Amino acid sequence: VVYETFHDQTNLADGWYQTQILPVIHRRICNVALLGHSMGIYITGSWKLPVIMVGFGMFLLFDRATFHSRAINRIA
């Protein structure tokens, strides 16, 4: 129920925002915060947070797309 409420409020602009703008902002914040430090912070390791944000943004972008394939439906 919470998913449906949130899902109805999202649009294409939100998807583009999360896939393009948020990772850039996050990268700049991390660069400034870690300037001169070599600390092993978990959330910045291998860019985990931007990958999650881009993945969710891609989900929002392609959520309304329709695709029909018998092979894919059989595999699923």
N, C-alpha and C. Protein backbone atom coordinates (compact mmCIF):
# COMPACT_ATOMS: atom_id res chain seq x y z
N VAL A 1 0.84 -1.19 0.00
CA VAL A 1 0.00 0.00 0.00
C VAL A 1 0.88 1.25 0.00
N VAL A 2 1.94 1.25 0.77
CA VAL A 2 2.85 2.39 0.79
C VAL A 2 3.51 2.54 -0.57
N TYR A 3 3.86 1.42 -1.20
CA TYR A 3 4.49 1.46 -2.52
C TYR A 3 3.57 2.10 -3.54
N GLU A 4 2.29 1.73 -3.52
CA GLU A 4 1.36 2.29 -4.49
C GLU A 4 1.18 3.79 -4.27
N THR A 5 1.14 4.24 -3.04
CA THR A 5 1.00 5.66 -2.75
C THR A 5 2.20 6.43 -3.27
N PHE A 6 3.41 5.92 -3.01
CA PHE A 6 4.61 6.59 -3.48
C PHE A 6 4.71 6.49 -5.00
N HIS A 7 4.37 5.35 -5.55
CA HIS A 7 4.50 5.13 -6.99
C HIS A 7 3.58 6.06 -7.79
N ASP A 8 2.42 6.34 -7.28
CA ASP A 8 1.50 7.22 -8.01
C ASP A 8 2.00 8.66 -8.06
N GLN A 9 2.88 9.03 -7.15
CA GLN A 9 3.36 10.40 -7.08
C GLN A 9 4.63 10.63 -7.90
N THR A 10 5.24 9.59 -8.43
CA THR A 10 6.47 9.76 -9.20
C THR A 10 6.14 10.04 -10.66
N ASN A 11 7.07 10.69 -11.34
CA ASN A 11 6.89 10.94 -12.76
C ASN A 11 8.24 10.83 -13.46
N LEU A 12 8.26 11.13 -14.74
CA LEU A 12 9.47 10.98 -15.54
C LEU A 12 10.58 11.91 -15.07
N ALA A 13 10.23 13.10 -14.62
CA ALA A 13 11.25 14.04 -14.14
C ALA A 13 11.97 13.49 -12.91
N ASP A 14 11.26 12.78 -12.04
CA ASP A 14 11.90 12.18 -10.87
C ASP A 14 12.90 11.12 -11.29
N GLY A 15 12.57 10.36 -12.30
CA GLY A 15 13.49 9.34 -12.80
C GLY A 15 14.76 9.94 -13.35
N TRP A 16 14.64 10.98 -14.15
CA TRP A 16 15.82 11.65 -14.69
C TRP A 16 16.63 12.30 -13.58
N TYR A 17 15.96 12.86 -12.60
CA TYR A 17 16.65 13.49 -11.48
C TYR A 17 17.52 12.47 -10.75
N GLN A 18 16.97 11.30 -10.50
CA GLN A 18 17.72 10.30 -9.75
C GLN A 18 18.81 9.65 -10.56
N THR A 19 18.66 9.55 -11.87
CA THR A 19 19.70 8.89 -12.65
C THR A 19 20.80 9.84 -13.08
N GLN A 20 20.55 11.12 -13.17
CA GLN A 20 21.55 12.05 -13.70
C GLN A 20 22.11 13.00 -12.65
N ILE A 21 21.25 13.61 -11.86
CA ILE A 21 21.69 14.71 -11.00
C ILE A 21 22.18 14.21 -9.63
N LEU A 22 21.47 13.30 -9.00
CA LEU A 22 21.85 12.85 -7.66
C LEU A 22 23.24 12.21 -7.61
N PRO A 23 23.62 11.36 -8.56
CA PRO A 23 24.99 10.80 -8.50
C PRO A 23 26.07 11.87 -8.62
N VAL A 24 25.85 12.89 -9.42
CA VAL A 24 26.83 13.97 -9.55
C VAL A 24 26.96 14.72 -8.23
N ILE A 25 25.83 15.03 -7.60
CA ILE A 25 25.85 15.73 -6.32
C ILE A 25 26.56 14.87 -5.27
N HIS A 26 26.24 13.59 -5.23
CA HIS A 26 26.86 12.69 -4.25
C HIS A 26 28.36 12.60 -4.47
N ARG A 27 28.80 12.49 -5.71
CA ARG A 27 30.23 12.39 -6.01
C ARG A 27 30.98 13.65 -5.55
N ARG A 28 30.39 14.80 -5.78
CA ARG A 28 31.05 16.05 -5.37
C ARG A 28 31.12 16.18 -3.85
N ILE A 29 30.06 15.79 -3.16
CA ILE A 29 30.07 15.84 -1.70
C ILE A 29 31.14 14.90 -1.15
N CYS A 30 31.22 13.69 -1.70
CA CYS A 30 32.23 12.73 -1.23
C CYS A 30 33.64 13.22 -1.53
N ASN A 31 33.86 13.83 -2.67
CA ASN A 31 35.19 14.34 -3.01
C ASN A 31 35.62 15.43 -2.03
N VAL A 32 34.71 16.31 -1.68
CA VAL A 32 35.04 17.38 -0.73
C VAL A 32 35.24 16.81 0.67
N ALA A 33 34.38 15.89 1.07
CA ALA A 33 34.45 15.33 2.41
C ALA A 33 35.70 14.47 2.61
N LEU A 34 36.13 13.78 1.57
CA LEU A 34 37.27 12.87 1.69
C LEU A 34 38.56 13.47 1.15
N LEU A 35 38.60 14.76 0.93
CA LEU A 35 39.79 15.41 0.39
C LEU A 35 40.96 15.24 1.36
N GLY A 36 41.97 14.52 0.92
CA GLY A 36 43.14 14.29 1.75
C GLY A 36 43.01 13.17 2.75
N HIS A 37 41.91 12.46 2.77
CA HIS A 37 41.70 11.36 3.71
C HIS A 37 41.64 10.05 2.94
N SER A 38 42.22 9.04 3.50
CA SER A 38 42.13 7.70 2.90
C SER A 38 41.44 6.78 3.90
N MET A 39 40.17 7.06 4.15
CA MET A 39 39.40 6.29 5.12
C MET A 39 38.53 5.30 4.37
N GLY A 40 38.29 4.15 4.97
CA GLY A 40 37.47 3.13 4.36
C GLY A 40 36.01 3.27 4.77
N ILE A 41 35.31 4.24 4.24
CA ILE A 41 33.91 4.45 4.57
C ILE A 41 33.07 3.51 3.70
N TYR A 42 32.17 2.77 4.32
CA TYR A 42 31.42 1.74 3.60
C TYR A 42 30.56 2.32 2.49
N ILE A 43 29.84 3.40 2.75
CA ILE A 43 28.87 3.90 1.79
C ILE A 43 29.54 4.45 0.54
N THR A 44 30.80 4.88 0.63
CA THR A 44 31.48 5.40 -0.55
C THR A 44 32.29 4.33 -1.26
N GLY A 45 32.44 3.17 -0.66
CA GLY A 45 33.19 2.09 -1.29
C GLY A 45 32.47 1.59 -2.53
N SER A 46 33.17 1.59 -3.65
CA SER A 46 32.65 1.13 -4.94
C SER A 46 31.40 1.90 -5.37
N TRP A 47 31.19 3.08 -4.87
CA TRP A 47 30.06 3.94 -5.26
C TRP A 47 28.72 3.22 -5.08
N LYS A 48 28.50 2.65 -3.91
CA LYS A 48 27.27 1.90 -3.66
C LYS A 48 26.01 2.77 -3.72
N LEU A 49 26.04 3.93 -3.10
CA LEU A 49 24.85 4.77 -3.07
C LEU A 49 24.46 5.29 -4.46
N PRO A 50 25.39 5.80 -5.27
CA PRO A 50 24.99 6.24 -6.61
C PRO A 50 24.45 5.10 -7.47
N VAL A 51 24.98 3.91 -7.29
CA VAL A 51 24.48 2.77 -8.06
C VAL A 51 23.03 2.48 -7.68
N ILE A 52 22.72 2.55 -6.41
CA ILE A 52 21.34 2.33 -5.96
C ILE A 52 20.43 3.43 -6.49
N MET A 53 20.89 4.68 -6.44
CA MET A 53 20.07 5.80 -6.92
C MET A 53 19.82 5.70 -8.42
N VAL A 54 20.85 5.36 -9.18
CA VAL A 54 20.68 5.22 -10.63
C VAL A 54 19.76 4.05 -10.94
N GLY A 55 19.90 2.96 -10.21
CA GLY A 55 19.03 1.81 -10.43
C GLY A 55 17.57 2.14 -10.17
N PHE A 56 17.29 2.86 -9.10
CA PHE A 56 15.91 3.23 -8.81
C PHE A 56 15.39 4.23 -9.84
N GLY A 57 16.24 5.15 -10.26
CA GLY A 57 15.84 6.10 -11.31
C GLY A 57 15.54 5.39 -12.62
N MET A 58 16.35 4.38 -12.97
CA MET A 58 16.08 3.61 -14.19
C MET A 58 14.75 2.87 -14.06
N PHE A 59 14.47 2.35 -12.87
CA PHE A 59 13.19 1.70 -12.64
C PHE A 59 12.04 2.68 -12.89
N LEU A 60 12.17 3.90 -12.40
CA LEU A 60 11.12 4.90 -12.61
C LEU A 60 10.97 5.25 -14.09
N LEU A 61 12.08 5.32 -14.81
CA LEU A 61 12.02 5.67 -16.23
C LEU A 61 11.33 4.59 -17.06
N PHE A 62 11.65 3.33 -16.80
CA PHE A 62 11.16 2.25 -17.63
C PHE A 62 9.96 1.53 -17.04
N ASP A 63 9.42 2.03 -15.95
CA ASP A 63 8.29 1.38 -15.30
C ASP A 63 7.05 1.37 -16.18
N ARG A 64 6.81 2.42 -16.90
CA ARG A 64 5.60 2.52 -17.71
C ARG A 64 5.74 1.93 -19.11
N ALA A 65 6.92 1.48 -19.45
CA ALA A 65 7.14 0.89 -20.78
C ALA A 65 6.51 -0.50 -20.82
N THR A 66 5.93 -0.83 -21.95
CA THR A 66 5.32 -2.15 -22.12
C THR A 66 6.19 -2.97 -23.06
N PHE A 67 6.36 -4.23 -22.74
CA PHE A 67 7.17 -5.13 -23.52
C PHE A 67 6.53 -6.50 -23.46
N HIS A 68 6.29 -7.10 -24.61
CA HIS A 68 5.64 -8.41 -24.66
C HIS A 68 6.52 -9.37 -25.44
N SER A 69 6.87 -10.47 -24.81
CA SER A 69 7.67 -11.51 -25.45
C SER A 69 7.30 -12.85 -24.83
N ARG A 70 6.99 -13.82 -25.66
CA ARG A 70 6.64 -15.14 -25.14
C ARG A 70 7.83 -15.79 -24.45
N ALA A 71 9.01 -15.62 -25.03
CA ALA A 71 10.20 -16.23 -24.44
C ALA A 71 10.49 -15.66 -23.05
N ILE A 72 10.43 -14.34 -22.93
CA ILE A 72 10.68 -13.71 -21.63
C ILE A 72 9.61 -14.10 -20.62
N ASN A 73 8.37 -14.14 -21.05
CA ASN A 73 7.28 -14.53 -20.14
C ASN A 73 7.44 -15.98 -19.70
N ARG A 74 7.89 -16.84 -20.58
CA ARG A 74 8.09 -18.24 -20.21
C ARG A 74 9.23 -18.38 -19.20
N ILE A 75 10.31 -17.62 -19.41
CA ILE A 75 11.43 -17.67 -18.48
C ILE A 75 11.01 -17.13 -17.11
N ALA A 76 10.23 -16.06 -17.12
CA ALA A 76 9.79 -15.45 -15.86
C ALA A 76 8.84 -16.38 -15.14
